[in-house]
Structure formats: structure tokens, C-alpha cells
C-alpha atoms as a PDB file:
ATOM      1  CA  UNK A   1     167.215 116.121 144.705  1.00  0.00           C
ATOM      2  CA  UNK A   2     168.198 115.335 148.300  1.00  0.00           C
ATOM      3  CA  UNK A   3     166.976 111.765 147.865  1.00  0.00           C
ATOM      4  CA  UNK A   4     169.037 111.417 144.691  1.00  0.00           C
ATOM      5  CA  UNK A   5     172.192 112.719 146.398  1.00  0.00           C
ATOM      6  CA  UNK A   6     171.678 110.393 149.366  1.00  0.00           C
ATOM      7  CA  UNK A   7     171.044 107.447 147.065  1.00  0.00           C
ATOM      8  CA  UNK A   8     174.190 108.180 145.056  1.00  0.00           C
ATOM      9  CA  UNK A   9     176.286 108.564 148.193  1.00  0.00           C
ATOM     10  CA  UNK A  10     175.019 105.247 149.521  1.00  0.00           C
ATOM     11  CA  UNK A  11     175.733 103.596 146.176  1.00  0.00           C
ATOM     12  CA  UNK A  12     179.401 104.529 146.537  1.00  0.00           C
ATOM     13  CA  UNK A  13     179.749 102.279 149.591  1.00  0.00           C
ATOM     14  CA  UNK A  14     179.630  98.927 147.713  1.00  0.00           C
ATOM     15  CA  UNK A  15     181.892 100.398 145.007  1.00  0.00           C
ATOM     16  CA  UNK A  16     184.541 101.345 147.546  1.00  0.00           C
ATOM     17  CA  UNK A  17     184.170  97.986 149.317  1.00  0.00           C
ATOM     18  CA  UNK A  18     184.693  96.165 146.005  1.00  0.00           C
ATOM     19  CA  UNK A  19     187.749  98.313 145.217  1.00  0.00           C
ATOM     20  CA  UNK A  20     189.195  97.665 148.680  1.00  0.00           C
ATOM     21  CA  UNK A  21     188.711  93.880 148.415  1.00  0.00           C
ATOM     22  CA  UNK A  22     190.018  93.746 144.840  1.00  0.00           C
ATOM     23  CA  UNK A  23     193.156  95.783 145.558  1.00  0.00           C
ATOM     24  CA  UNK A  24     193.874  93.867 148.757  1.00  0.00           C
ATOM     25  CA  UNK A  25     193.585  90.473 147.071  1.00  0.00           C
ATOM     26  CA  UNK A  26     195.404  91.344 143.839  1.00  0.00           C
ATOM     27  CA  UNK A  27     198.401  92.670 145.773  1.00  0.00           C
ATOM     28  CA  UNK A  28     198.718  89.599 147.947  1.00  0.00           C
ATOM     29  CA  UNK A  29     198.012  86.991 145.292  1.00  0.00           C
ATOM     30  CA  UNK A  30     200.521  88.279 142.740  1.00  0.00           C
ATOM     31  CA  UNK A  31     204.136  87.066 142.948  1.00  0.00           C
ATOM     32  CA  UNK A  32     206.581  89.025 145.085  1.00  0.00           C
ATOM     33  CA  UNK A  33     207.205  89.314 148.804  1.00  0.00           C
ATOM     34  CA  UNK A  34     207.793  92.778 150.315  1.00  0.00           C
ATOM     35  CA  UNK A  35     209.642  91.163 153.216  1.00  0.00           C
ATOM     36  CA  UNK A  36     212.138  89.560 150.826  1.00  0.00           C
ATOM     37  CA  UNK A  37     212.704  92.932 149.127  1.00  0.00           C
ATOM     38  CA  UNK A  38     213.312  94.622 152.470  1.00  0.00           C
ATOM     39  CA  UNK A  39     215.729  91.936 153.702  1.00  0.00           C
ATOM     40  CA  UNK A  40     217.656  91.815 150.419  1.00  0.00           C
ATOM     41  CA  UNK A  41     219.583  89.039 148.709  1.00  0.00           C
ATOM     42  CA  UNK A  42     221.729  88.293 151.766  1.00  0.00           C
ATOM     43  CA  UNK A  43     218.738  87.706 154.053  1.00  0.00           C
ATOM     44  CA  UNK A  44     217.905  84.277 155.418  1.00  0.00           C
ATOM     45  CA  UNK A  45     214.507  82.614 155.661  1.00  0.00           C
ATOM     46  CA  UNK A  46     214.470  83.467 159.356  1.00  0.00           C
ATOM     47  CA  UNK A  47     215.081  87.131 158.570  1.00  0.00           C
ATOM     48  CA  UNK A  48     212.244  87.132 156.024  1.00  0.00           C
ATOM     49  CA  UNK A  49     209.889  85.454 158.494  1.00  0.00           C
ATOM     50  CA  UNK A  50     210.780  88.015 161.172  1.00  0.00           C
ATOM     51  CA  UNK A  51     210.116  90.929 158.801  1.00  0.00           C
ATOM     52  CA  UNK A  52     206.831  89.395 157.649  1.00  0.00           C
ATOM     53  CA  UNK A  53     205.785  89.104 161.276  1.00  0.00           C
ATOM     54  CA  UNK A  54     206.636  92.767 161.926  1.00  0.00           C
ATOM     55  CA  UNK A  55     204.665  93.839 158.853  1.00  0.00           C
ATOM     56  CA  UNK A  56     201.602  91.830 159.834  1.00  0.00           C
ATOM     57  CA  UNK A  57     201.794  89.545 156.801  1.00  0.00           C
ATOM     58  CA  UNK A  58     201.857  86.219 158.660  1.00  0.00           C
ATOM     59  CA  UNK A  59     198.131  85.989 159.403  1.00  0.00           C
ATOM     60  CA  UNK A  60     195.461  84.620 157.071  1.00  0.00           C
ATOM     61  CA  UNK A  61     194.145  86.845 154.263  1.00  0.00           C
ATOM     62  CA  UNK A  62     190.746  87.430 155.944  1.00  0.00           C
ATOM     63  CA  UNK A  63     192.474  88.382 159.210  1.00  0.00           C
ATOM     64  CA  UNK A  64     194.811  90.791 157.415  1.00  0.00           C
ATOM     65  CA  UNK A  65     191.919  92.337 155.455  1.00  0.00           C
ATOM     66  CA  UNK A  66     189.662  92.933 158.448  1.00  0.00           C
ATOM     67  CA  UNK A  67     192.566  94.336 160.431  1.00  0.00           C
ATOM     68  CA  UNK A  68     193.290  96.779 157.593  1.00  0.00           C
ATOM     69  CA  UNK A  69     189.636  97.779 157.275  1.00  0.00           C
ATOM     70  CA  UNK A  70     189.387  98.266 161.031  1.00  0.00           C
ATOM     71  CA  UNK A  71     192.375 100.610 160.924  1.00  0.00           C
ATOM     72  CA  UNK A  72     190.813 102.509 158.014  1.00  0.00           C
ATOM     73  CA  UNK A  73     187.755 103.312 160.110  1.00  0.00           C
ATOM     74  CA  UNK A  74     190.124 104.788 162.684  1.00  0.00           C
ATOM     75  CA  UNK A  75     191.709 106.983 159.998  1.00  0.00           C
ATOM     76  CA  UNK A  76     194.884 104.913 159.975  1.00  0.00           C
ATOM     77  CA  UNK A  77     195.992 103.898 156.474  1.00  0.00           C
ATOM     78  CA  UNK A  78     199.052 102.133 157.812  1.00  0.00           C
ATOM     79  CA  UNK A  79     202.761 102.840 157.488  1.00  0.00           C
ATOM     80  CA  UNK A  80     204.818 102.577 154.326  1.00  0.00           C
ATOM     81  CA  UNK A  81     207.157  99.584 154.198  1.00  0.00           C
ATOM     82  CA  UNK A  82     209.642 101.444 152.009  1.00  0.00           C
ATOM     83  CA  UNK A  83     209.439 105.084 153.147  1.00  0.00           C
ATOM     84  CA  UNK A  84     208.917 104.248 156.858  1.00  0.00           C
ATOM     85  CA  UNK A  85     206.283 107.010 157.016  1.00  0.00           C
ATOM     86  CA  UNK A  86     202.540 107.010 157.622  1.00  0.00           C
ATOM     87  CA  UNK A  87     200.545 106.610 154.392  1.00  0.00           C
ATOM     88  CA  UNK A  88     198.333 109.635 155.132  1.00  0.00           C
ATOM     89  CA  UNK A  89     201.390 111.816 155.730  1.00  0.00           C
ATOM     90  CA  UNK A  90     203.071 110.460 152.602  1.00  0.00           C
ATOM     91  CA  UNK A  91     200.015 111.160 150.445  1.00  0.00           C
ATOM     92  CA  UNK A  92     199.780 114.657 151.924  1.00  0.00           C
ATOM     93  CA  UNK A  93     203.378 115.363 150.933  1.00  0.00           C
ATOM     94  CA  UNK A  94     202.790 114.192 147.341  1.00  0.00           C
ATOM     95  CA  UNK A  95     199.313 115.675 146.838  1.00  0.00           C
ATOM     96  CA  UNK A  96     200.257 119.212 145.721  1.00  0.00           C
ATOM     97  CA  UNK A  97     202.249 118.253 142.575  1.00  0.00           C
ATOM     98  CA  UNK A  98     199.516 115.905 141.347  1.00  0.00           C
ATOM     99  CA  UNK A  99     196.660 118.319 142.029  1.00  0.00           C
ATOM    100  CA  UNK A 100     198.600 121.180 140.417  1.00  0.00           C
ATOM    101  CA  UNK A 101     199.347 119.140 137.299  1.00  0.00           C
ATOM    102  CA  UNK A 102     195.786 117.830 137.015  1.00  0.00           C
ATOM    103  CA  UNK A 103     194.163 121.252 137.466  1.00  0.00           C
ATOM    104  CA  UNK A 104     196.484 122.993 135.001  1.00  0.00           C
ATOM    105  CA  UNK A 105     195.957 120.188 132.492  1.00  0.00           C
ATOM    106  CA  UNK A 106     192.171 120.240 132.618  1.00  0.00           C
ATOM    107  CA  UNK A 107     192.046 124.065 132.527  1.00  0.00           C
ATOM    108  CA  UNK A 108     194.269 124.131 129.430  1.00  0.00           C
ATOM    109  CA  UNK A 109     192.223 121.393 127.796  1.00  0.00           C
ATOM    110  CA  UNK A 110     188.839 123.033 128.438  1.00  0.00           C
ATOM    111  CA  UNK A 111     189.947 126.568 127.524  1.00  0.00           C
ATOM    112  CA  UNK A 112     191.386 125.391 124.201  1.00  0.00           C
ATOM    113  CA  UNK A 113     189.150 122.468 123.262  1.00  0.00           C
ATOM    114  CA  UNK A 114     185.656 123.887 123.765  1.00  0.00           C
ATOM    115  CA  UNK A 115     186.177 126.987 121.546  1.00  0.00           C
ATOM    116  CA  UNK A 116     187.996 124.902 118.926  1.00  0.00           C
ATOM    117  CA  UNK A 117     185.184 122.350 118.825  1.00  0.00           C
ATOM    118  CA  UNK A 118     182.494 125.034 118.607  1.00  0.00           C
ATOM    119  CA  UNK A 119     184.294 126.907 115.810  1.00  0.00           C
ATOM    120  CA  UNK A 120     184.889 123.667 113.888  1.00  0.00           C
ATOM    121  CA  UNK A 121     181.173 122.833 114.166  1.00  0.00           C
ATOM    122  CA  UNK A 122     180.184 126.313 112.968  1.00  0.00           C
ATOM    123  CA  UNK A 123     182.523 125.939 109.984  1.00  0.00           C
ATOM    124  CA  UNK A 124     181.670 122.339 109.216  1.00  0.00           C
ATOM    125  CA  UNK A 125     183.758 120.973 106.350  1.00  0.00           C
ATOM    126  CA  UNK A 126     186.197 123.901 106.391  1.00  0.00           C
ATOM    127  CA  UNK A 127     189.959 123.775 106.842  1.00  0.00           C
ATOM    128  CA  UNK A 128     189.712 124.249 110.632  1.00  0.00           C
ATOM    129  CA  UNK A 129     187.258 121.370 110.873  1.00  0.00           C
ATOM    130  CA  UNK A 130     189.587 119.085 108.907  1.00  0.00           C
ATOM    131  CA  UNK A 131     192.585 120.240 110.953  1.00  0.00           C
ATOM    132  CA  UNK A 132     190.745 119.493 114.199  1.00  0.00           C
ATOM    133  CA  UNK A 133     189.774 116.010 113.050  1.00  0.00           C
ATOM    134  CA  UNK A 134     193.371 115.299 112.059  1.00  0.00           C
ATOM    135  CA  UNK A 135     194.629 116.593 115.405  1.00  0.00           C
ATOM    136  CA  UNK A 136     192.084 114.394 117.203  1.00  0.00           C
ATOM    137  CA  UNK A 137     193.384 111.289 115.467  1.00  0.00           C
ATOM    138  CA  UNK A 138     196.970 112.292 116.276  1.00  0.00           C
ATOM    139  CA  UNK A 139     196.130 113.057 119.910  1.00  0.00           C
ATOM    140  CA  UNK A 140     194.529 109.640 120.383  1.00  0.00           C
ATOM    141  CA  UNK A 141     197.297 107.762 118.557  1.00  0.00           C
ATOM    142  CA  UNK A 142     200.554 109.075 120.038  1.00  0.00           C
ATOM    143  CA  UNK A 143     201.410 107.729 123.519  1.00  0.00           C
ATOM    144  CA  UNK A 144     201.786 110.268 126.320  1.00  0.00           C
ATOM    145  CA  UNK A 145     205.407 109.376 127.070  1.00  0.00           C
ATOM    146  CA  UNK A 146     206.413 109.918 123.419  1.00  0.00           C
ATOM    147  CA  UNK A 147     204.907 113.426 123.497  1.00  0.00           C
ATOM    148  CA  UNK A 148     206.664 114.112 126.788  1.00  0.00           C
ATOM    149  CA  UNK A 149     210.110 113.103 125.538  1.00  0.00           C
ATOM    150  CA  UNK A 150     209.680 115.121 122.336  1.00  0.00           C
ATOM    151  CA  UNK A 151     208.706 118.234 124.311  1.00  0.00           C
ATOM    152  CA  UNK A 152     211.669 117.740 126.666  1.00  0.00           C
ATOM    153  CA  UNK A 153     214.057 117.406 123.731  1.00  0.00           C
ATOM    154  CA  UNK A 154     212.729 120.491 121.899  1.00  0.00           C
ATOM    155  CA  UNK A 155     211.786 122.934 124.662  1.00  0.00           C
ATOM    156  CA  UNK A 156     214.149 121.890 127.465  1.00  0.00           C
ATOM    157  CA  UNK A 157     217.305 120.410 125.971  1.00  0.00           C
ATOM    158  CA  UNK A 158     217.484 122.319 122.677  1.00  0.00           C
ATOM    159  CA  UNK A 159     216.108 125.734 123.619  1.00  0.00           C
ATOM    160  CA  UNK A 160     216.470 125.656 127.412  1.00  0.00           C
ATOM    161  CA  UNK A 161     213.160 127.491 127.808  1.00  0.00           C
ATOM    162  CA  UNK A 162     211.849 125.128 130.488  1.00  0.00           C
ATOM    163  CA  UNK A 163     213.391 122.823 133.104  1.00  0.00           C
ATOM    164  CA  UNK A 164     213.966 119.250 131.982  1.00  0.00           C
ATOM    165  CA  UNK A 165     212.421 117.592 135.018  1.00  0.00           C
ATOM    166  CA  UNK A 166     211.436 118.173 138.626  1.00  0.00           C
ATOM    167  CA  UNK A 167     208.876 120.280 140.453  1.00  0.00           C
ATOM    168  CA  UNK A 168     208.825 123.538 142.394  1.00  0.00           C
ATOM    169  CA  UNK A 169     206.138 124.042 145.004  1.00  0.00           C
ATOM    170  CA  UNK A 170     203.763 126.979 144.727  1.00  0.00           C
ATOM    171  CA  UNK A 171     205.304 128.439 147.876  1.00  0.00           C
ATOM    172  CA  UNK A 172     208.536 128.942 145.888  1.00  0.00           C
ATOM    173  CA  UNK A 173     206.759 131.404 143.583  1.00  0.00           C
ATOM    174  CA  UNK A 174     204.223 131.261 140.780  1.00  0.00           C
ATOM    175  CA  UNK A 175     206.747 131.485 137.919  1.00  0.00           C
ATOM    176  CA  UNK A 176     209.038 128.632 139.105  1.00  0.00           C
ATOM    177  CA  UNK A 177     205.940 126.544 139.871  1.00  0.00           C
ATOM    178  CA  UNK A 178     204.449 127.221 136.454  1.00  0.00           C
ATOM    179  CA  UNK A 179     207.717 126.734 134.543  1.00  0.00           C
ATOM    180  CA  UNK A 180     208.048 123.186 135.902  1.00  0.00           C
ATOM    181  CA  UNK A 181     204.427 122.323 135.044  1.00  0.00           C
ATOM    182  CA  UNK A 182     204.034 123.757 131.536  1.00  0.00           C
ATOM    183  CA  UNK A 183     205.614 120.868 129.625  1.00  0.00           C
ATOM    184  CA  UNK A 184     203.963 118.103 131.704  1.00  0.00           C
ATOM    185  CA  UNK A 185     200.585 119.852 131.428  1.00  0.00           C
ATOM    186  CA  UNK A 186     200.908 120.208 127.641  1.00  0.00           C
ATOM    187  CA  UNK A 187     201.943 116.568 127.387  1.00  0.00           C
ATOM    188  CA  UNK A 188     198.972 115.394 129.399  1.00  0.00           C
ATOM    189  CA  UNK A 189     196.440 117.819 127.947  1.00  0.00           C
ATOM    190  CA  UNK A 190     196.901 117.016 124.242  1.00  0.00           C
ATOM    191  CA  UNK A 191     194.843 113.839 124.368  1.00  0.00           C
ATOM    192  CA  UNK A 192     192.105 115.574 126.375  1.00  0.00           C
ATOM    193  CA  UNK A 193     192.063 118.557 124.021  1.00  0.00           C
ATOM    194  CA  UNK A 194     191.509 116.109 121.162  1.00  0.00           C
ATOM    195  CA  UNK A 195     188.776 114.250 123.071  1.00  0.00           C
ATOM    196  CA  UNK A 196     186.877 117.301 124.359  1.00  0.00           C
ATOM    197  CA  UNK A 197     187.174 119.199 121.058  1.00  0.00           C
ATOM    198  CA  UNK A 198     185.827 116.262 119.086  1.00  0.00           C
ATOM    199  CA  UNK A 199     182.858 115.740 121.415  1.00  0.00           C
ATOM    200  CA  UNK A 200     182.174 119.497 121.437  1.00  0.00           C
ATOM    201  CA  UNK A 201     182.228 119.574 117.659  1.00  0.00           C
ATOM    202  CA  UNK A 202     179.789 116.657 117.418  1.00  0.00           C
ATOM    203  CA  UNK A 203     177.419 118.057 120.069  1.00  0.00           C
ATOM    204  CA  UNK A 204     177.373 121.584 118.638  1.00  0.00           C
ATOM    205  CA  UNK A 205     176.990 120.276 115.077  1.00  0.00           C
ATOM    206  CA  UNK A 206     173.936 118.314 116.147  1.00  0.00           C
ATOM    207  CA  UNK A 207     172.503 121.305 118.007  1.00  0.00           C
ATOM    208  CA  UNK A 208     172.948 123.535 114.940  1.00  0.00           C
ATOM    209  CA  UNK A 209     170.484 121.351 113.010  1.00  0.00           C
ATOM    210  CA  UNK A 210     167.618 121.913 115.479  1.00  0.00           C
ATOM    211  CA  UNK A 211     164.608 124.099 114.757  1.00  0.00           C
ATOM    212  CA  UNK A 212     165.352 126.699 117.431  1.00  0.00           C
ATOM    213  CA  UNK A 213     168.662 127.466 115.702  1.00  0.00           C
ATOM    214  CA  UNK A 214     166.801 128.144 112.462  1.00  0.00           C
ATOM    215  CA  UNK A 215     164.434 130.421 114.405  1.00  0.00           C
ATOM    216  CA  UNK A 216     167.329 132.286 116.028  1.00  0.00           C
ATOM    217  CA  UNK A 217     168.922 132.886 112.653  1.00  0.00           C
ATOM    218  CA  UNK A 218     165.596 134.029 111.211  1.00  0.00           C
ATOM    219  CA  UNK A 219     165.393 136.651 113.949  1.00  0.00           C
ATOM    220  CA  UNK A 220     168.646 138.127 112.648  1.00  0.00           C
ATOM    221  CA  UNK A 221     170.955 137.078 115.499  1.00  0.00           C
ATOM    222  CA  UNK A 222     174.671 137.194 114.800  1.00  0.00           C
ATOM    223  CA  UNK A 223     176.122 133.764 113.997  1.00  0.00           C
ATOM    224  CA  UNK A 224     178.460 134.040 116.985  1.00  0.00           C
ATOM    225  CA  UNK A 225     175.482 134.490 119.325  1.00  0.00           C
ATOM    226  CA  UNK A 226     173.683 131.609 117.658  1.00  0.00           C
ATOM    227  CA  UNK A 227     176.632 129.278 118.222  1.00  0.00           C
ATOM    228  CA  UNK A 228     177.549 130.392 121.766  1.00  0.00           C
ATOM    229  CA  UNK A 229     174.238 131.336 123.381  1.00  0.00           C
ATOM    230  CA  UNK A 230     172.074 128.693 121.746  1.00  0.00           C
ATOM    231  CA  UNK A 231     173.967 125.771 120.208  1.00  0.00           C
ATOM    232  CA  UNK A 232     176.854 125.571 122.687  1.00  0.00           C
ATOM    233  CA  UNK A 233     174.582 126.152 125.688  1.00  0.00           C
ATOM    234  CA  UNK A 234     172.245 123.349 124.632  1.00  0.00           C
ATOM    235  CA  UNK A 235     175.172 121.023 123.924  1.00  0.00           C
ATOM    236  CA  UNK A 236     176.618 121.528 127.407  1.00  0.00           C
ATOM    237  CA  UNK A 237     175.515 118.176 128.879  1.00  0.00           C
ATOM    238  CA  UNK A 238     177.660 115.874 126.669  1.00  0.00           C
ATOM    239  CA  UNK A 239     180.537 118.366 126.860  1.00  0.00           C
ATOM    240  CA  UNK A 240     180.490 118.450 130.663  1.00  0.00           C
ATOM    241  CA  UNK A 241     180.199 114.661 130.694  1.00  0.00           C
ATOM    242  CA  UNK A 242     183.336 114.176 128.618  1.00  0.00           C
ATOM    243  CA  UNK A 243     185.193 116.793 130.698  1.00  0.00           C
ATOM    244  CA  UNK A 244     184.314 114.826 133.818  1.00  0.00           C
ATOM    245  CA  UNK A 245     185.417 111.583 132.205  1.00  0.00           C
ATOM    246  CA  UNK A 246     188.656 113.306 131.201  1.00  0.00           C
ATOM    247  CA  UNK A 247     189.305 114.361 134.785  1.00  0.00           C
ATOM    248  CA  UNK A 248     188.804 110.781 135.920  1.00  0.00           C
ATOM    249  CA  UNK A 249     191.112 109.473 133.163  1.00  0.00           C
ATOM    250  CA  UNK A 250     193.811 111.892 134.310  1.00  0.00           C
ATOM    251  CA  UNK A 251     194.637 109.365 137.011  1.00  0.00           C
ATOM    252  CA  UNK A 252     196.283 107.028 134.513  1.00  0.00           C
ATOM    253  CA  UNK A 253     197.923 109.840 132.564  1.00  0.00           C
ATOM    254  CA  UNK A 254     199.358 111.422 135.682  1.00  0.00           C
ATOM    255  CA  UNK A 255     201.252 108.228 136.549  1.00  0.00           C
ATOM    256  CA  UNK A 256     203.046 108.170 133.180  1.00  0.00           C
ATOM    257  CA  UNK A 257     203.619 111.934 132.969  1.00  0.00           C
ATOM    258  CA  UNK A 258     205.007 112.265 136.487  1.00  0.00           C
ATOM    259  CA  UNK A 259     207.395 109.400 135.779  1.00  0.00           C
ATOM    260  CA  UNK A 260     208.650 110.994 132.543  1.00  0.00           C
ATOM    261  CA  UNK A 261     209.153 114.436 134.138  1.00  0.00           C
ATOM    262  CA  UNK A 262     210.308 113.140 137.564  1.00  0.00           C
ATOM    263  CA  UNK A 263     207.520 114.990 139.388  1.00  0.00           C
ATOM    264  CA  UNK A 264     207.249 113.781 143.009  1.00  0.00           C
ATOM    265  CA  UNK A 265     203.472 113.388 143.006  1.00  0.00           C
ATOM    266  CA  UNK A 266     201.011 110.585 143.635  1.00  0.00           C
ATOM    267  CA  UNK A 267     201.711 109.047 140.239  1.00  0.00           C
ATOM    268  CA  UNK A 268     205.416 108.706 140.934  1.00  0.00           C
ATOM    269  CA  UNK A 269     204.582 107.502 144.457  1.00  0.00           C
ATOM    270  CA  UNK A 270     202.372 104.771 142.984  1.00  0.00           C
ATOM    271  CA  UNK A 271     205.136 103.583 140.664  1.00  0.00           C
ATOM    272  CA  UNK A 272     207.671 103.496 143.518  1.00  0.00           C
ATOM    273  CA  UNK A 273     205.196 101.662 145.756  1.00  0.00           C
ATOM    274  CA  UNK A 274     204.443  99.033 143.097  1.00  0.00           C
ATOM    275  CA  UNK A 275     208.131  98.397 142.438  1.00  0.00           C
ATOM    276  CA  UNK A 276     208.835  97.987 146.166  1.00  0.00           C
ATOM    277  CA  UNK A 277     205.630  96.006 146.866  1.00  0.00           C
ATOM    278  CA  UNK A 278     204.596  98.657 149.380  1.00  0.00           C
ATOM    279  CA  UNK A 279     201.085  97.367 150.106  1.00  0.00           C
ATOM    280  CA  UNK A 280     199.830 100.133 152.452  1.00  0.00           C
ATOM    281  CA  UNK A 281     200.818 102.923 150.036  1.00  0.00           C
ATOM    282  CA  UNK A 282     199.298 101.226 146.979  1.00  0.00           C
ATOM    283  CA  UNK A 283     196.062 100.541 148.844  1.00  0.00           C
ATOM    284  CA  UNK A 284     195.864 104.083 150.205  1.00  0.00           C
ATOM    285  CA  UNK A 285     196.517 105.790 146.858  1.00  0.00           C
ATOM    286  CA  UNK A 286     194.060 103.608 144.934  1.00  0.00           C
ATOM    287  CA  UNK A 287     191.340 104.201 147.536  1.00  0.00           C
ATOM    288  CA  UNK A 288     191.962 107.957 147.286  1.00  0.00           C
ATOM    289  CA  UNK A 289     191.722 107.824 143.487  1.00  0.00           C
ATOM    290  CA  UNK A 290     188.507 105.798 143.776  1.00  0.00           C
ATOM    291  CA  UNK A 291     186.899 108.347 146.098  1.00  0.00           C
ATOM    292  CA  UNK A 292     187.877 111.186 143.751  1.00  0.00           C
ATOM    293  CA  UNK A 293     186.477 109.297 140.763  1.00  0.00           C
ATOM    294  CA  UNK A 294     183.142 108.683 142.519  1.00  0.00           C
ATOM    295  CA  UNK A 295     182.928 112.316 143.684  1.00  0.00           C
ATOM    296  CA  UNK A 296     183.557 113.613 140.154  1.00  0.00           C
ATOM    297  CA  UNK A 297     180.804 111.398 138.750  1.00  0.00           C
ATOM    298  CA  UNK A 298     178.397 112.665 141.416  1.00  0.00           C
ATOM    299  CA  UNK A 299     179.220 116.302 140.606  1.00  0.00           C
ATOM    300  CA  UNK A 300     178.695 115.622 136.892  1.00  0.00           C
ATOM    301  CA  UNK A 301     175.248 114.162 137.556  1.00  0.00           C
ATOM    302  CA  UNK A 302     174.301 117.130 139.729  1.00  0.00           C
ATOM    303  CA  UNK A 303     175.509 119.617 137.113  1.00  0.00           C
ATOM    304  CA  UNK A 304     172.957 118.282 134.624  1.00  0.00           C
ATOM    305  CA  UNK A 305     170.158 119.965 136.565  1.00  0.00           C
ATOM    306  CA  UNK A 306     171.835 123.362 136.203  1.00  0.00           C
ATOM    307  CA  UNK A 307     172.712 122.865 132.540  1.00  0.00           C
ATOM    308  CA  UNK A 308     169.369 121.455 131.435  1.00  0.00           C
ATOM    309  CA  UNK A 309     166.267 122.423 133.482  1.00  0.00           C
ATOM    310  CA  UNK A 310     164.337 119.601 131.847  1.00  0.00           C
ATOM    311  CA  UNK A 311     166.373 117.096 133.871  1.00  0.00           C
ATOM    312  CA  UNK A 312     164.916 116.395 137.304  1.00  0.00           C
ATOM    313  CA  UNK A 313     165.968 113.845 139.888  1.00  0.00           C
END
């Protein structure tokens, strides 16, 4: 086990190096000059050159890259061109809204999707099973921003039950914090409810055909115990896998959802940084997302041992 963990941790190093090189090159090779954006339309070539020099963009690409990497090892992610603030401090300020939205989304998705999928599998071919399959198709087909705007129109503009946009920090109180996150979390969770419920249904349906299920039923166990204690427990590995994948995919969904609901999180920060060609912020946020993605995959692999004793590393 310890060897496996060490091997997986070491394997993350080339992944992060590749991500760092890719992000660095793609930002600098695509059209657009952050110095020209900072100077504005009235700036001269001399002004642009002076700003590029102050931002450290005049050197060769290898020199810029190794300077950036050297600063990373010192814990310095650089300073934002646009916000004039350190990247670490900027990410720290925007972290709470994104983490809050992601956690609430995945909790809602798991709490609703796993029971729905298990019940649909137990009642294979019934009306709930057909309803779940239809909902899955709808959840995969409708874009996140469409769902968000519909929810805003119905539950914010028409009824006034929830705020239209914005975010309240948890320190302001649980109810204000929750009221600003309900609609974004529902928007973001629908696709993951569809995904997790469908995988749960397939995994539990397959488990219900195994011999041990027939034995459990022959012993006179209640169908609920058969589904929960036997079928669902033995189908946990693919379910946990898709939950982990869903958490990783939240990164893309968060960007769109935070933009629609004007939530000042990392997703909105990424959009602002891309529009302003803010290289240090984009690089810092993408590296953070990459580390989170790798950590989630490691935790998923380790959870297999607890869920299925037959798995050994």
C-alpha cells in the first residue's frame, strides 16, 4: 500500500510538469499581448515595450519559463497583471465560493442520485426506471447555462424566492450563504445527478443478477436489505469512480455556473484572467485545478481497498 501511494505521488510529477509547460506555451503562443491591453488604445510602441519589460515578457520563452518555475519552488505564483495582487492571495480570496458551490453540488448529486439509481434498478422496467432514463438524457442534453437562466427566471425573477446573482460568505450566516448557492448548485448538479444515477442503476442492476443475491433472497431477506446491503454495497466501486470523475468535471461546470450567477469564485476569476490575458493568474488557477484533479484520482484509487477487500495494491 505504501509503495503504491509513493508510486502514485511520484507519477503526478511528470503530469504537473506537462501541465505547466503546456499552459505556459499555449498562453504565450496564442494571439494577444497583455502589455497592449494594459496600455490601452492610446499607448505607443514605447509604452508597450516598457510594460512588457516590467512584466518580464521581454526575455526568451525558455528564460521566462524557468524563471516562473523557480519562483514556484519558492511559493511565489507571481502577481496578477490586472488585479495588481499576488496570485496566491487572489486565489485565497476566491476559494471559498468555489469550494462551497462544488461541495454543495456534489452532496446534492450523491444524496439524490444514488438512491434514485438503486430504486430504478430494483424496479427495472417500471415507471421510475423509465423516468430516470428520460431524466438522464435530458440532463446530458441541456447546457448548464440554459438550466441556470431558466432557474433564475422562474425562482428568482418570477417568484423572488432566491437572489438573482451574487454570493454571501458563510461568515454572513448559513441562511444567506445557502440562499445564494441553492440555484447555482441545482444548476450544476442536474447533469451529475443524471450521470451518477445512471451508473448506479447499471451497476446495481448487474449486481442483482449475481448468485449471492439469489441466495440472499432465498434466505428470506427483505428486498430493501438485498438491494442496499448486498447489491448496492457490491456495486460501490463503479459508483465511487463516477462520483470522483464528477468532482473532477466540476471544474468546467463551475466556470460556466459562476459566470451565469456572478459568483466571485475561481471560475469567474479564470474567465476574467483569460479576457485580460493575465498569465500569472491563469497559470496559478490551472495548476491548482490540476493538483486537485490528481489528488481526487489518488483518493478514488485508495478507496477501492476499503470498498472491495479483494483489491490489493
